[in-house]
C-alpha atoms as a PDB file:
ATOM      1  CA  MET A   1      80.197  99.647  90.207  1.00  0.00           C
ATOM      2  CA  TYR A   2      78.720 103.071  89.476  1.00  0.00           C
ATOM      3  CA  GLU A   3      75.788 102.488  91.821  1.00  0.00           C
ATOM      4  CA  LYS A   4      78.127 101.255  94.572  1.00  0.00           C
ATOM      5  CA  ALA A   5      80.414 104.275  94.131  1.00  0.00           C
ATOM      6  CA  LEU A   6      77.389 106.563  94.267  1.00  0.00           C
ATOM      7  CA  GLU A   7      76.239 104.958  97.532  1.00  0.00           C
ATOM      8  CA  SER A   8      79.717 105.429  99.024  1.00  0.00           C
ATOM      9  CA  LYS A   9      79.781 109.030  97.813  1.00  0.00           C
ATOM     10  CA  ASN A  10      76.383 109.759  99.363  1.00  0.00           C
ATOM     11  CA  TYR A  11      77.475 108.275 102.696  1.00  0.00           C
ATOM     12  CA  ILE A  12      80.637 110.378 102.786  1.00  0.00           C
ATOM     13  CA  ALA A  13      78.812 113.528 101.643  1.00  0.00           C
ATOM     14  CA  SER A  14      76.323 113.111 104.489  1.00  0.00           C
ATOM     15  CA  LYS A  15      79.192 113.460 106.986  1.00  0.00           C
ATOM     16  CA  VAL A  16      80.650 116.750 105.717  1.00  0.00           C
ATOM     17  CA  ALA A  17      79.460 120.314 105.221  1.00  0.00           C
ATOM     18  CA  THR A  18      81.639 121.026 102.170  1.00  0.00           C
ATOM     19  CA  LEU A  19      82.591 118.593  99.424  1.00  0.00           C
ATOM     20  CA  PRO A  20      86.291 118.265  98.553  1.00  0.00           C
ATOM     21  CA  THR A  21      87.903 119.441  95.318  1.00  0.00           C
ATOM     22  CA  VAL A  22      91.400 118.010  95.916  1.00  0.00           C
ATOM     23  CA  GLY A  23      92.061 114.309  96.461  1.00  0.00           C
ATOM     24  CA  LEU A  24      95.155 112.980  98.244  1.00  0.00           C
ATOM     25  CA  ILE A  25      96.332 109.363  98.300  1.00  0.00           C
ATOM     26  CA  LEU A  26      99.021 109.011 100.956  1.00  0.00           C
ATOM     27  CA  GLY A  27     101.483 106.119 100.783  1.00  0.00           C
ATOM     28  CA  SER A  28     103.441 104.161 103.382  1.00  0.00           C
ATOM     29  CA  GLY A  29     104.648 106.434 106.172  1.00  0.00           C
ATOM     30  CA  LEU A  30     103.294 109.550 104.413  1.00  0.00           C
ATOM     31  CA  GLY A  31      99.850 109.666 106.016  1.00  0.00           C
ATOM     32  CA  VAL A  32     101.082 112.346 108.431  1.00  0.00           C
ATOM     33  CA  LEU A  33      99.899 114.988 105.951  1.00  0.00           C
ATOM     34  CA  ALA A  34      96.309 114.142 106.882  1.00  0.00           C
ATOM     35  CA  ASP A  35      97.107 115.167 110.457  1.00  0.00           C
ATOM     36  CA  LYS A  36      97.606 118.746 109.195  1.00  0.00           C
ATOM     37  CA  ILE A  37      94.034 119.018 107.896  1.00  0.00           C
ATOM     38  CA  ASN A  38      91.948 121.594 109.778  1.00  0.00           C
ATOM     39  CA  ASN A  39      88.463 120.817 111.107  1.00  0.00           C
ATOM     40  CA  PRO A  40      88.834 117.214 110.012  1.00  0.00           C
ATOM     41  CA  VAL A  41      86.020 114.749 109.534  1.00  0.00           C
ATOM     42  CA  VAL A  42      87.557 111.292 109.970  1.00  0.00           C
ATOM     43  CA  ILE A  43      85.743 108.296 108.488  1.00  0.00           C
ATOM     44  CA  PRO A  44      87.250 104.799 109.001  1.00  0.00           C
ATOM     45  CA  TYR A  45      87.196 102.767 105.804  1.00  0.00           C
ATOM     46  CA  GLU A  46      85.151 100.006 107.410  1.00  0.00           C
ATOM     47  CA  GLU A  47      82.266 102.451 107.892  1.00  0.00           C
ATOM     48  CA  ILE A  48      82.055 103.396 104.207  1.00  0.00           C
ATOM     49  CA  PRO A  49      79.860 101.176 102.024  1.00  0.00           C
ATOM     50  CA  TYR A  50      81.896  98.900  99.720  1.00  0.00           C
ATOM     51  CA  PHE A  51      85.289 100.276 100.812  1.00  0.00           C
ATOM     52  CA  PRO A  52      88.091  97.750 101.361  1.00  0.00           C
ATOM     53  CA  VAL A  53      90.213  97.960 104.530  1.00  0.00           C
ATOM     54  CA  SER A  54      93.960  98.680 104.708  1.00  0.00           C
ATOM     55  CA  THR A  55      96.037  95.827 106.112  1.00  0.00           C
ATOM     56  CA  VAL A  56      99.578  97.185 105.683  1.00  0.00           C
ATOM     57  CA  GLU A  57     101.758  98.782 108.372  1.00  0.00           C
ATOM     58  CA  GLY A  58     102.039 102.543 107.849  1.00  0.00           C
ATOM     59  CA  HIS A  59      98.480 102.842 106.481  1.00  0.00           C
ATOM     60  CA  ALA A  60      95.989 104.201 109.047  1.00  0.00           C
ATOM     61  CA  GLY A  61      92.946 103.133 107.044  1.00  0.00           C
ATOM     62  CA  GLN A  62      90.674 106.161 107.076  1.00  0.00           C
ATOM     63  CA  LEU A  63      89.430 109.101 105.030  1.00  0.00           C
ATOM     64  CA  VAL A  64      90.165 112.561 106.393  1.00  0.00           C
ATOM     65  CA  ILE A  65      88.161 115.466 104.940  1.00  0.00           C
ATOM     66  CA  GLY A  66      88.666 119.113 105.809  1.00  0.00           C
ATOM     67  CA  GLU A  67      90.591 122.295 105.021  1.00  0.00           C
ATOM     68  CA  LEU A  68      94.245 122.413 104.027  1.00  0.00           C
ATOM     69  CA  GLN A  69      95.921 125.539 102.681  1.00  0.00           C
ATOM     70  CA  GLY A  70      92.583 127.071 101.719  1.00  0.00           C
ATOM     71  CA  LYS A  71      91.344 123.986  99.859  1.00  0.00           C
ATOM     72  CA  THR A  72      88.776 121.401 100.882  1.00  0.00           C
ATOM     73  CA  VAL A  73      90.606 118.087 100.565  1.00  0.00           C
ATOM     74  CA  VAL A  74      89.857 114.414 100.993  1.00  0.00           C
ATOM     75  CA  ALA A  75      92.870 112.374 102.044  1.00  0.00           C
ATOM     76  CA  MET A  76      93.216 108.629 101.957  1.00  0.00           C
ATOM     77  CA  GLN A  77      95.324 107.983 105.035  1.00  0.00           C
ATOM     78  CA  GLY A  78      96.371 104.607 103.738  1.00  0.00           C
ATOM     79  CA  ARG A  79      95.624 102.918 100.417  1.00  0.00           C
ATOM     80  CA  PHE A  80      94.775  99.446  99.156  1.00  0.00           C
ATOM     81  CA  HIS A  81      97.074  97.107  97.251  1.00  0.00           C
ATOM     82  CA  PHE A  82      96.528  94.297  94.771  1.00  0.00           C
ATOM     83  CA  TYR A  83      98.824  92.060  96.854  1.00  0.00           C
ATOM     84  CA  GLU A  84      96.426  92.292  99.812  1.00  0.00           C
ATOM     85  CA  GLY A  85      94.052  90.110  97.824  1.00  0.00           C
ATOM     86  CA  TYR A  86      91.775  92.845  96.500  1.00  0.00           C
ATOM     87  CA  THR A  87      90.830  93.089  92.851  1.00  0.00           C
ATOM     88  CA  MET A  88      92.148  96.001  90.835  1.00  0.00           C
ATOM     89  CA  GLN A  89      88.595  97.360  90.785  1.00  0.00           C
ATOM     90  CA  GLN A  90      88.519  97.330  94.606  1.00  0.00           C
ATOM     91  CA  VAL A  91      91.986  98.889  94.836  1.00  0.00           C
ATOM     92  CA  THR A  92      90.873 101.818  92.690  1.00  0.00           C
ATOM     93  CA  PHE A  93      87.312 102.117  93.972  1.00  0.00           C
ATOM     94  CA  PRO A  94      88.108 105.140  96.215  1.00  0.00           C
ATOM     95  CA  VAL A  95      89.325 107.073  93.156  1.00  0.00           C
ATOM     96  CA  ARG A  96      85.922 106.531  91.572  1.00  0.00           C
ATOM     97  CA  VAL A  97      84.243 107.787  94.729  1.00  0.00           C
ATOM     98  CA  MET A  98      86.488 110.860  94.881  1.00  0.00           C
ATOM     99  CA  LYS A  99      85.434 111.817  91.362  1.00  0.00           C
ATOM    100  CA  LEU A 100      81.752 111.558  92.310  1.00  0.00           C
ATOM    101  CA  LEU A 101      82.439 113.687  95.397  1.00  0.00           C
ATOM    102  CA  GLY A 102      83.652 116.483  93.106  1.00  0.00           C
ATOM    103  CA  VAL A 103      87.435 116.049  93.241  1.00  0.00           C
ATOM    104  CA  GLU A 104      88.981 118.064  90.409  1.00  0.00           C
ATOM    105  CA  LYS A 105      92.681 117.363  91.012  1.00  0.00           C
ATOM    106  CA  MET A 106      94.539 114.525  92.680  1.00  0.00           C
ATOM    107  CA  ILE A 107      97.957 114.080  94.275  1.00  0.00           C
ATOM    108  CA  VAL A 108      99.127 110.478  94.562  1.00  0.00           C
ATOM    109  CA  THR A 109     102.108 109.654  96.773  1.00  0.00           C
ATOM    110  CA  ASN A 110     104.014 106.457  97.469  1.00  0.00           C
ATOM    111  CA  ALA A 111     107.141 104.984  98.965  1.00  0.00           C
ATOM    112  CA  ALA A 112     109.381 103.527  96.261  1.00  0.00           C
ATOM    113  CA  GLY A 113     112.719 101.868  95.662  1.00  0.00           C
ATOM    114  CA  GLY A 114     115.274 103.880  93.734  1.00  0.00           C
ATOM    115  CA  ILE A 115     116.447 102.332  90.464  1.00  0.00           C
ATOM    116  CA  ASN A 116     118.336 105.477  89.466  1.00  0.00           C
ATOM    117  CA  GLU A 117     121.455 105.107  91.611  1.00  0.00           C
ATOM    118  CA  THR A 118     121.705 108.878  92.158  1.00  0.00           C
ATOM    119  CA  PHE A 119     118.311 108.879  93.934  1.00  0.00           C
ATOM    120  CA  LEU A 120     119.429 108.329  97.517  1.00  0.00           C
ATOM    121  CA  PRO A 121     116.968 107.424 100.290  1.00  0.00           C
ATOM    122  CA  GLY A 122     114.992 110.539 101.181  1.00  0.00           C
ATOM    123  CA  THR A 123     114.757 111.790  97.599  1.00  0.00           C
ATOM    124  CA  LEU A 124     111.305 113.040  96.525  1.00  0.00           C
ATOM    125  CA  MET A 125     110.672 112.073  92.910  1.00  0.00           C
ATOM    126  CA  LEU A 126     108.082 113.811  90.757  1.00  0.00           C
ATOM    127  CA  LEU A 127     106.502 111.260  88.434  1.00  0.00           C
ATOM    128  CA  THR A 128     106.806 112.298  84.793  1.00  0.00           C
ATOM    129  CA  ASP A 129     105.422 109.002  83.479  1.00  0.00           C
ATOM    130  CA  GLN A 130     104.682 105.462  84.585  1.00  0.00           C
ATOM    131  CA  ILE A 131     105.064 101.846  83.481  1.00  0.00           C
ATOM    132  CA  ASN A 132     102.277  99.442  84.393  1.00  0.00           C
ATOM    133  CA  PHE A 133     104.108  96.145  84.938  1.00  0.00           C
ATOM    134  CA  THR A 134     101.394  94.515  87.039  1.00  0.00           C
ATOM    135  CA  GLY A 135     100.194  92.367  84.176  1.00  0.00           C
ATOM    136  CA  THR A 136      96.627  93.597  84.526  1.00  0.00           C
ATOM    137  CA  SER A 137      94.467  96.733  84.497  1.00  0.00           C
ATOM    138  CA  PRO A 138      91.617  98.106  86.616  1.00  0.00           C
ATOM    139  CA  LEU A 139      89.745  98.826  83.370  1.00  0.00           C
ATOM    140  CA  ILE A 140      89.405  95.176  82.329  1.00  0.00           C
ATOM    141  CA  GLY A 141      85.769  94.211  82.008  1.00  0.00           C
ATOM    142  CA  LYS A 142      82.667  95.977  80.770  1.00  0.00           C
ATOM    143  CA  ASN A 143      83.168  99.741  80.496  1.00  0.00           C
ATOM    144  CA  ASP A 144      80.725 102.174  82.122  1.00  0.00           C
ATOM    145  CA  GLU A 145      80.633 105.351  80.046  1.00  0.00           C
ATOM    146  CA  ARG A 146      79.467 107.280  83.121  1.00  0.00           C
ATOM    147  CA  PHE A 147      83.020 106.883  84.413  1.00  0.00           C
ATOM    148  CA  GLY A 148      84.924 107.338  81.172  1.00  0.00           C
ATOM    149  CA  PRO A 149      85.660 106.046  77.649  1.00  0.00           C
ATOM    150  CA  ARG A 150      86.469 102.467  76.704  1.00  0.00           C
ATOM    151  CA  PHE A 151      89.978 103.434  75.567  1.00  0.00           C
ATOM    152  CA  PRO A 152      91.320 106.335  77.690  1.00  0.00           C
ATOM    153  CA  ASP A 153      94.362 108.276  76.506  1.00  0.00           C
ATOM    154  CA  MET A 154      97.488 107.936  78.677  1.00  0.00           C
ATOM    155  CA  THR A 155      99.846 110.179  76.703  1.00  0.00           C
ATOM    156  CA  THR A 156     100.228 112.789  79.453  1.00  0.00           C
ATOM    157  CA  VAL A 157      98.937 110.823  82.417  1.00  0.00           C
ATOM    158  CA  PHE A 158     100.680 113.183  84.872  1.00  0.00           C
ATOM    159  CA  ASP A 159      99.337 116.692  84.404  1.00  0.00           C
ATOM    160  CA  LYS A 160     101.844 119.177  82.965  1.00  0.00           C
ATOM    161  CA  GLU A 161     100.424 122.168  84.847  1.00  0.00           C
ATOM    162  CA  LEU A 162     100.588 120.342  88.186  1.00  0.00           C
ATOM    163  CA  LEU A 163     104.147 119.247  87.421  1.00  0.00           C
ATOM    164  CA  ALA A 164     105.104 122.858  86.679  1.00  0.00           C
ATOM    165  CA  ILE A 165     103.622 123.956  90.012  1.00  0.00           C
ATOM    166  CA  ALA A 166     105.526 121.202  91.836  1.00  0.00           C
ATOM    167  CA  ARG A 167     108.783 122.252  90.192  1.00  0.00           C
ATOM    168  CA  GLN A 168     108.210 125.881  91.152  1.00  0.00           C
ATOM    169  CA  SER A 169     107.422 124.896  94.745  1.00  0.00           C
ATOM    170  CA  ALA A 170     110.623 122.862  95.001  1.00  0.00           C
ATOM    171  CA  THR A 171     112.641 125.829  93.769  1.00  0.00           C
ATOM    172  CA  LYS A 172     110.869 128.255  96.100  1.00  0.00           C
ATOM    173  CA  LEU A 173     111.454 126.011  99.130  1.00  0.00           C
ATOM    174  CA  GLY A 174     115.044 125.248  98.136  1.00  0.00           C
ATOM    175  CA  LEU A 175     114.475 121.483  98.098  1.00  0.00           C
ATOM    176  CA  ALA A 176     117.582 120.048  96.481  1.00  0.00           C
ATOM    177  CA  ASN A 177     116.325 116.479  97.008  1.00  0.00           C
ATOM    178  CA  VAL A 178     113.398 116.798  94.553  1.00  0.00           C
ATOM    179  CA  LYS A 179     114.120 114.856  91.351  1.00  0.00           C
ATOM    180  CA  GLU A 180     112.025 113.602  88.431  1.00  0.00           C
ATOM    181  CA  GLY A 181     111.589 110.197  86.880  1.00  0.00           C
ATOM    182  CA  VAL A 182     109.469 107.300  85.671  1.00  0.00           C
ATOM    183  CA  TYR A 183     107.665 105.066  88.180  1.00  0.00           C
ATOM    184  CA  LEU A 184     107.258 101.354  87.476  1.00  0.00           C
ATOM    185  CA  GLY A 185     104.476  99.535  89.295  1.00  0.00           C
ATOM    186  CA  LEU A 186     104.516  95.830  90.175  1.00  0.00           C
ATOM    187  CA  THR A 187     102.064  93.697  92.124  1.00  0.00           C
ATOM    188  CA  GLY A 188     104.370  92.690  95.009  1.00  0.00           C
ATOM    189  CA  PRO A 189     104.441  91.747  97.806  1.00  0.00           C
ATOM    190  CA  ALA A 190     107.886  90.226  97.251  1.00  0.00           C
ATOM    191  CA  TYR A 191     110.618  92.757  96.586  1.00  0.00           C
ATOM    192  CA  GLU A 192     112.319  92.646  93.207  1.00  0.00           C
ATOM    193  CA  THR A 193     115.419  90.621  92.365  1.00  0.00           C
ATOM    194  CA  GLY A 194     118.624  92.252  91.205  1.00  0.00           C
ATOM    195  CA  ALA A 195     118.054  90.870  87.690  1.00  0.00           C
ATOM    196  CA  GLU A 196     114.554  92.366  87.606  1.00  0.00           C
ATOM    197  CA  ILE A 197     115.907  95.766  88.642  1.00  0.00           C
ATOM    198  CA  HIS A 198     118.519  95.547  85.880  1.00  0.00           C
ATOM    199  CA  MET A 199     115.711  94.869  83.400  1.00  0.00           C
ATOM    200  CA  MET A 200     113.622  97.778  84.715  1.00  0.00           C
ATOM    201  CA  ARG A 201     116.543 100.187  84.418  1.00  0.00           C
ATOM    202  CA  GLY A 202     116.868  99.184  80.782  1.00  0.00           C
ATOM    203  CA  MET A 203     113.153  99.933  80.325  1.00  0.00           C
ATOM    204  CA  GLY A 204     113.679 103.508  81.526  1.00  0.00           C
ATOM    205  CA  ALA A 205     112.305 103.212  85.064  1.00  0.00           C
ATOM    206  CA  SER A 206     113.737 105.475  87.772  1.00  0.00           C
ATOM    207  CA  ALA A 207     111.859 103.968  90.741  1.00  0.00           C
ATOM    208  CA  VAL A 208     109.736 100.909  91.496  1.00  0.00           C
ATOM    209  CA  GLY A 209     106.843 100.234  93.839  1.00  0.00           C
ATOM    210  CA  MET A 210     103.709  98.182  94.477  1.00  0.00           C
ATOM    211  CA  SER A 211     100.990 100.789  94.063  1.00  0.00           C
ATOM    212  CA  THR A 212      99.950 103.949  92.188  1.00  0.00           C
ATOM    213  CA  VAL A 213      99.804 102.790  88.547  1.00  0.00           C
ATOM    214  CA  SER A 214      96.277 101.387  88.777  1.00  0.00           C
ATOM    215  CA  GLU A 215      94.983 104.445  90.665  1.00  0.00           C
ATOM    216  CA  VAL A 216      96.487 106.746  88.044  1.00  0.00           C
ATOM    217  CA  ILE A 217      94.932 104.703  85.211  1.00  0.00           C
ATOM    218  CA  VAL A 218      91.492 105.093  86.799  1.00  0.00           C
ATOM    219  CA  ALA A 219      92.052 108.816  87.391  1.00  0.00           C
ATOM    220  CA  ALA A 220      92.954 109.174  83.704  1.00  0.00           C
ATOM    221  CA  HIS A 221      89.843 107.183  82.785  1.00  0.00           C
ATOM    222  CA  MET A 222      87.765 109.823  84.592  1.00  0.00           C
ATOM    223  CA  SER A 223      89.816 112.821  83.376  1.00  0.00           C
ATOM    224  CA  ILE A 224      91.179 113.764  86.811  1.00  0.00           C
ATOM    225  CA  PRO A 225      94.488 115.695  86.526  1.00  0.00           C
ATOM    226  CA  VAL A 226      97.119 113.883  88.621  1.00  0.00           C
ATOM    227  CA  LEU A 227     100.406 114.836  90.277  1.00  0.00           C
ATOM    228  CA  GLY A 228     102.530 111.895  91.432  1.00  0.00           C
ATOM    229  CA  ILE A 229     105.276 112.041  94.071  1.00  0.00           C
ATOM    230  CA  SER A 230     107.433 109.129  95.235  1.00  0.00           C
ATOM    231  CA  CYS A 231     109.491 109.113  98.404  1.00  0.00           C
ATOM    232  CA  ILE A 232     112.577 107.059  97.595  1.00  0.00           C
ATOM    233  CA  THR A 233     113.015 105.005 100.758  1.00  0.00           C
ATOM    234  CA  ASN A 234     115.773 102.622  99.656  1.00  0.00           C
ATOM    235  CA  LEU A 235     117.964 101.731  96.718  1.00  0.00           C
ATOM    236  CA  ALA A 236     116.412  98.844  94.810  1.00  0.00           C
ATOM    237  CA  ALA A 237     117.668  95.262  94.922  1.00  0.00           C
ATOM    238  CA  GLY A 238     121.136  94.529  93.565  1.00  0.00           C
ATOM    239  CA  ILE A 239     122.459  98.079  93.879  1.00  0.00           C
ATOM    240  CA  LEU A 240     123.715  97.564  97.431  1.00  0.00           C
ATOM    241  CA  ASP A 241     124.595  94.155  98.835  1.00  0.00           C
ATOM    242  CA  GLN A 242     121.951  94.210 101.559  1.00  0.00           C
ATOM    243  CA  PRO A 243     118.418  92.854 102.033  1.00  0.00           C
ATOM    244  CA  LEU A 244     115.273  94.999 101.683  1.00  0.00           C
ATOM    245  CA  ASN A 245     112.596  95.336 104.368  1.00  0.00           C
ATOM    246  CA  HIS A 246     109.427  97.342 105.060  1.00  0.00           C
ATOM    247  CA  ALA A 247     110.782  98.749 108.326  1.00  0.00           C
ATOM    248  CA  GLU A 248     113.356 100.712 106.315  1.00  0.00           C
ATOM    249  CA  VAL A 249     110.558 102.108 104.144  1.00  0.00           C
ATOM    250  CA  ILE A 250     108.723 103.466 107.191  1.00  0.00           C
ATOM    251  CA  GLU A 251     111.919 104.779 108.815  1.00  0.00           C
ATOM    252  CA  VAL A 252     112.983 106.820 105.782  1.00  0.00           C
ATOM    253  CA  SER A 253     109.425 108.102 105.215  1.00  0.00           C
ATOM    254  CA  ASN A 254     109.389 109.342 108.807  1.00  0.00           C
ATOM    255  CA  ARG A 255     112.794 110.981 108.380  1.00  0.00           C
ATOM    256  CA  VAL A 256     111.678 113.149 105.458  1.00  0.00           C
ATOM    257  CA  GLN A 257     108.317 114.081 106.969  1.00  0.00           C
ATOM    258  CA  ASP A 258     109.135 117.744 107.571  1.00  0.00           C
ATOM    259  CA  GLU A 259     110.271 118.369 103.992  1.00  0.00           C
ATOM    260  CA  PHE A 260     107.413 116.287 102.605  1.00  0.00           C
ATOM    261  CA  LEU A 261     104.835 118.223 104.633  1.00  0.00           C
ATOM    262  CA  ALA A 262     106.219 121.633 103.662  1.00  0.00           C
ATOM    263  CA  TYR A 263     106.374 120.603 100.018  1.00  0.00           C
ATOM    264  CA  MET A 264     102.861 119.167  99.874  1.00  0.00           C
ATOM    265  CA  GLU A 265     101.323 122.120 101.696  1.00  0.00           C
ATOM    266  CA  ASP A 266     102.961 124.606  99.327  1.00  0.00           C
ATOM    267  CA  ILE A 267     101.760 122.666  96.269  1.00  0.00           C
ATOM    268  CA  ILE A 268      98.213 122.399  97.612  1.00  0.00           C
ATOM    269  CA  ALA A 269      98.135 126.128  98.369  1.00  0.00           C
ATOM    270  CA  THR A 270      99.020 126.829  94.720  1.00  0.00           C
ATOM    271  CA  ILE A 271      96.945 124.369  92.712  1.00  0.00           C
END
């Protein structure tokens, strides 16, 4: 995998004048942040050696590299999911490539269902910890020490300094809808049952989704400091007597775009 990641890195580096130091993974309906990048170099995933291709609505499927708030950033405008049929190694491959490009800090975003009943749709949740409930790991298999150690530490998987900056930004911008909690990741693509949500609440989860945990594990493996932000797009199954659907996820993500953009830009300017 290292040689493949290096080939991808070299291809991307050949397209840009300055290598990025901040990596952004933008979840469903949140890819609009990439549209704010100045002097962008846009590279469709299908052009990058060994990259998978996004197949989910709300994921544009391209890398955008350029300047944002004084930083050179690389943004994944759309991510990959285990439920699309990719392996966990393929899902997390772009994180490996970002590290080789020189990314020093990463912000991972997602759309999630709120398990904490006080987290109404439109809430932005800072991730303080995560629960990997996918039943697998992107680190299974032979370890390559060039990426990281066999047994990476996950004690403080979300960087304390980045969390402090995010809290300060929320206060400065007067964002009352910014909360904090634990993200639980499942494989999907089926939404959870009410009984499953009840179980997850008992485990200490505040929100649930179908992404992020594997990417964060790989970032930790390579010692990349991570900030995680969930956009709560719906209350999880069993809380309200109504069905769940992806259209609602996109609609709520679009509704909070202005606050999300202002928040992300202020954080990026500070980190």
